[in-house]
Amino acid sequence: MLRMTTTEARKKDTRDKVELGGLIVKAGLRYEKRALLLGALIDIRRRLNTDETERKRLTSIGEEAFGNDGE
């Protein structure tokens, strides 16, 4: 199996972070405080670990949002 070089791994990591930041912008949360965003994400992670219905509900909302702009 081929291993990624350090440079390739860093590029992939950077691309992933940029894409995740884009989700914050897409959700209309660009100007919210970082502490609020982190708190919200931690809360969601906790809820998703125990509530499959919530996971499905949020996935549906996200899929609809992506569908609204052709992504």
N, C-alpha and C. Protein backbone atom coordinates (compact mmCIF):
# COMPACT_ATOMS: atom_id res chain seq x y z
N MET A 1 0.85 -1.17 0.00
CA MET A 1 0.00 0.00 0.00
C MET A 1 0.90 1.24 0.00
N LEU A 2 0.53 2.23 -0.80
CA LEU A 2 1.30 3.47 -0.87
C LEU A 2 0.97 4.38 0.29
N ARG A 3 1.99 5.04 0.80
CA ARG A 3 1.78 5.99 1.88
C ARG A 3 1.87 7.40 1.32
N MET A 4 1.06 8.29 1.86
CA MET A 4 1.11 9.68 1.44
C MET A 4 2.39 10.30 1.96
N THR A 5 2.98 11.14 1.12
CA THR A 5 4.13 11.89 1.61
C THR A 5 3.64 12.95 2.59
N THR A 6 4.57 13.48 3.35
CA THR A 6 4.20 14.52 4.31
C THR A 6 3.56 15.70 3.61
N THR A 7 4.10 16.09 2.47
CA THR A 7 3.54 17.22 1.72
C THR A 7 2.13 16.92 1.25
N GLU A 8 1.90 15.73 0.72
CA GLU A 8 0.56 15.35 0.26
C GLU A 8 -0.42 15.33 1.43
N ALA A 9 0.02 14.80 2.55
CA ALA A 9 -0.85 14.75 3.73
C ALA A 9 -1.20 16.14 4.22
N ARG A 10 -0.23 17.06 4.21
CA ARG A 10 -0.50 18.43 4.64
C ARG A 10 -1.46 19.12 3.68
N LYS A 11 -1.29 18.88 2.39
CA LYS A 11 -2.20 19.50 1.40
C LYS A 11 -3.62 18.99 1.60
N LYS A 12 -3.77 17.68 1.83
CA LYS A 12 -5.10 17.12 2.06
C LYS A 12 -5.71 17.70 3.33
N ASP A 13 -4.91 17.80 4.39
CA ASP A 13 -5.40 18.36 5.64
C ASP A 13 -5.86 19.81 5.45
N THR A 14 -5.08 20.58 4.72
CA THR A 14 -5.44 21.98 4.45
C THR A 14 -6.73 22.06 3.65
N ARG A 15 -6.86 21.23 2.63
CA ARG A 15 -8.07 21.22 1.79
C ARG A 15 -9.29 20.86 2.64
N ASP A 16 -9.14 19.86 3.51
CA ASP A 16 -10.26 19.47 4.38
C ASP A 16 -10.68 20.63 5.27
N LYS A 17 -9.71 21.34 5.84
CA LYS A 17 -10.03 22.46 6.73
C LYS A 17 -10.71 23.60 5.99
N VAL A 18 -10.26 23.88 4.78
CA VAL A 18 -10.89 24.93 3.97
C VAL A 18 -12.34 24.55 3.66
N GLU A 19 -12.55 23.29 3.29
CA GLU A 19 -13.92 22.84 3.00
C GLU A 19 -14.81 22.94 4.24
N LEU A 20 -14.28 22.57 5.39
CA LEU A 20 -15.07 22.67 6.62
C LEU A 20 -15.38 24.12 6.96
N GLY A 21 -14.43 25.00 6.74
CA GLY A 21 -14.68 26.43 6.95
C GLY A 21 -15.76 26.94 6.00
N GLY A 22 -15.76 26.41 4.79
CA GLY A 22 -16.79 26.78 3.82
C GLY A 22 -18.18 26.40 4.29
N LEU A 23 -18.28 25.33 5.04
CA LEU A 23 -19.58 24.93 5.58
C LEU A 23 -20.09 25.95 6.59
N ILE A 24 -19.19 26.50 7.37
CA ILE A 24 -19.58 27.55 8.34
C ILE A 24 -20.15 28.75 7.58
N VAL A 25 -19.47 29.13 6.52
CA VAL A 25 -19.93 30.27 5.70
C VAL A 25 -21.28 29.94 5.07
N LYS A 26 -21.39 28.74 4.50
CA LYS A 26 -22.62 28.32 3.82
C LYS A 26 -23.81 28.32 4.78
N ALA A 27 -23.55 27.99 6.04
CA ALA A 27 -24.62 27.96 7.04
C ALA A 27 -24.99 29.34 7.54
N GLY A 28 -24.28 30.38 7.07
CA GLY A 28 -24.59 31.74 7.48
C GLY A 28 -24.02 32.10 8.85
N LEU A 29 -22.96 31.41 9.25
CA LEU A 29 -22.40 31.61 10.59
C LEU A 29 -21.02 32.27 10.56
N ARG A 30 -20.65 32.86 9.45
CA ARG A 30 -19.32 33.44 9.28
C ARG A 30 -18.94 34.41 10.40
N TYR A 31 -19.88 35.20 10.88
CA TYR A 31 -19.55 36.27 11.82
C TYR A 31 -19.85 35.92 13.28
N GLU A 32 -20.18 34.68 13.53
CA GLU A 32 -20.40 34.25 14.91
C GLU A 32 -19.06 34.06 15.61
N LYS A 33 -19.08 34.18 16.93
CA LYS A 33 -17.86 33.99 17.71
C LYS A 33 -17.41 32.53 17.62
N ARG A 34 -16.11 32.34 17.59
CA ARG A 34 -15.56 30.99 17.49
C ARG A 34 -15.98 30.12 18.66
N ALA A 35 -16.05 30.70 19.85
CA ALA A 35 -16.46 29.92 21.02
C ALA A 35 -17.88 29.40 20.85
N LEU A 36 -18.75 30.21 20.30
CA LEU A 36 -20.13 29.78 20.06
C LEU A 36 -20.15 28.63 19.05
N LEU A 37 -19.41 28.77 17.96
CA LEU A 37 -19.37 27.73 16.94
C LEU A 37 -18.83 26.43 17.51
N LEU A 38 -17.75 26.51 18.27
CA LEU A 38 -17.18 25.30 18.85
C LEU A 38 -18.15 24.67 19.84
N GLY A 39 -18.79 25.49 20.65
CA GLY A 39 -19.78 24.97 21.60
C GLY A 39 -20.92 24.27 20.89
N ALA A 40 -21.40 24.86 19.81
CA ALA A 40 -22.49 24.26 19.05
C ALA A 40 -22.06 22.93 18.44
N LEU A 41 -20.86 22.87 17.90
CA LEU A 41 -20.37 21.64 17.30
C LEU A 41 -20.17 20.54 18.34
N ILE A 42 -19.66 20.91 19.50
CA ILE A 42 -19.50 19.92 20.57
C ILE A 42 -20.86 19.39 21.02
N ASP A 43 -21.83 20.29 21.14
CA ASP A 43 -23.18 19.88 21.53
C ASP A 43 -23.77 18.93 20.50
N ILE A 44 -23.61 19.25 19.22
CA ILE A 44 -24.13 18.38 18.16
C ILE A 44 -23.46 17.01 18.23
N ARG A 45 -22.14 16.98 18.41
CA ARG A 45 -21.44 15.70 18.48
C ARG A 45 -22.02 14.85 19.61
N ARG A 46 -22.24 15.45 20.76
CA ARG A 46 -22.80 14.71 21.90
C ARG A 46 -24.19 14.16 21.58
N ARG A 47 -25.02 15.01 20.97
CA ARG A 47 -26.39 14.57 20.64
C ARG A 47 -26.38 13.47 19.59
N LEU A 48 -25.49 13.57 18.61
CA LEU A 48 -25.44 12.57 17.55
C LEU A 48 -25.00 11.21 18.07
N ASN A 49 -24.19 11.21 19.12
CA ASN A 49 -23.74 9.95 19.70
C ASN A 49 -24.86 9.17 20.35
N THR A 50 -25.96 9.84 20.68
CA THR A 50 -27.03 9.17 21.41
C THR A 50 -28.39 9.22 20.71
N ASP A 51 -28.48 9.90 19.58
CA ASP A 51 -29.81 10.11 18.98
C ASP A 51 -29.73 9.98 17.46
N GLU A 52 -30.04 8.80 16.96
CA GLU A 52 -30.00 8.54 15.52
C GLU A 52 -31.06 9.36 14.78
N THR A 53 -32.19 9.63 15.42
CA THR A 53 -33.23 10.45 14.80
C THR A 53 -32.71 11.85 14.52
N GLU A 54 -31.97 12.40 15.47
CA GLU A 54 -31.39 13.74 15.29
C GLU A 54 -30.39 13.74 14.15
N ARG A 55 -29.59 12.68 14.05
CA ARG A 55 -28.63 12.55 12.94
C ARG A 55 -29.37 12.58 11.60
N LYS A 56 -30.44 11.84 11.50
CA LYS A 56 -31.20 11.79 10.24
C LYS A 56 -31.84 13.14 9.95
N ARG A 57 -32.37 13.80 10.96
CA ARG A 57 -33.01 15.11 10.78
C ARG A 57 -32.00 16.13 10.27
N LEU A 58 -30.84 16.19 10.90
CA LEU A 58 -29.82 17.16 10.49
C LEU A 58 -29.24 16.83 9.12
N THR A 59 -29.09 15.55 8.82
CA THR A 59 -28.61 15.15 7.50
C THR A 59 -29.58 15.61 6.42
N SER A 60 -30.86 15.47 6.68
CA SER A 60 -31.88 15.90 5.73
C SER A 60 -31.80 17.41 5.48
N ILE A 61 -31.63 18.17 6.54
CA ILE A 61 -31.51 19.63 6.41
C ILE A 61 -30.28 19.98 5.57
N GLY A 62 -29.16 19.32 5.84
CA GLY A 62 -27.94 19.58 5.09
C GLY A 62 -28.05 19.20 3.63
N GLU A 63 -28.65 18.05 3.35
CA GLU A 63 -28.83 17.63 1.96
C GLU A 63 -29.70 18.62 1.21
N GLU A 64 -30.74 19.13 1.86
CA GLU A 64 -31.60 20.13 1.23
C GLU A 64 -30.81 21.41 0.93
N ALA A 65 -29.98 21.83 1.87
CA ALA A 65 -29.19 23.05 1.67
C ALA A 65 -28.21 22.88 0.52
N PHE A 66 -27.57 21.74 0.40
CA PHE A 66 -26.67 21.50 -0.72
C PHE A 66 -27.45 21.45 -2.02
N GLY A 67 -28.63 20.87 -1.99
CA GLY A 67 -29.44 20.77 -3.19
C GLY A 67 -29.93 22.11 -3.70
N ASN A 68 -30.08 23.07 -2.79
CA ASN A 68 -30.60 24.38 -3.18
C ASN A 68 -29.62 25.19 -4.03
N ASP A 69 -28.34 24.84 -3.98
CA ASP A 69 -27.39 25.59 -4.82
C ASP A 69 -26.66 24.71 -5.82
N GLY A 70 -27.19 23.50 -6.03
CA GLY A 70 -26.64 22.64 -7.07
C GLY A 70 -25.43 21.83 -6.67
N GLU A 71 -25.03 21.85 -5.41
CA GLU A 71 -23.87 21.04 -4.99
C GLU A 71 -24.28 19.62 -4.73
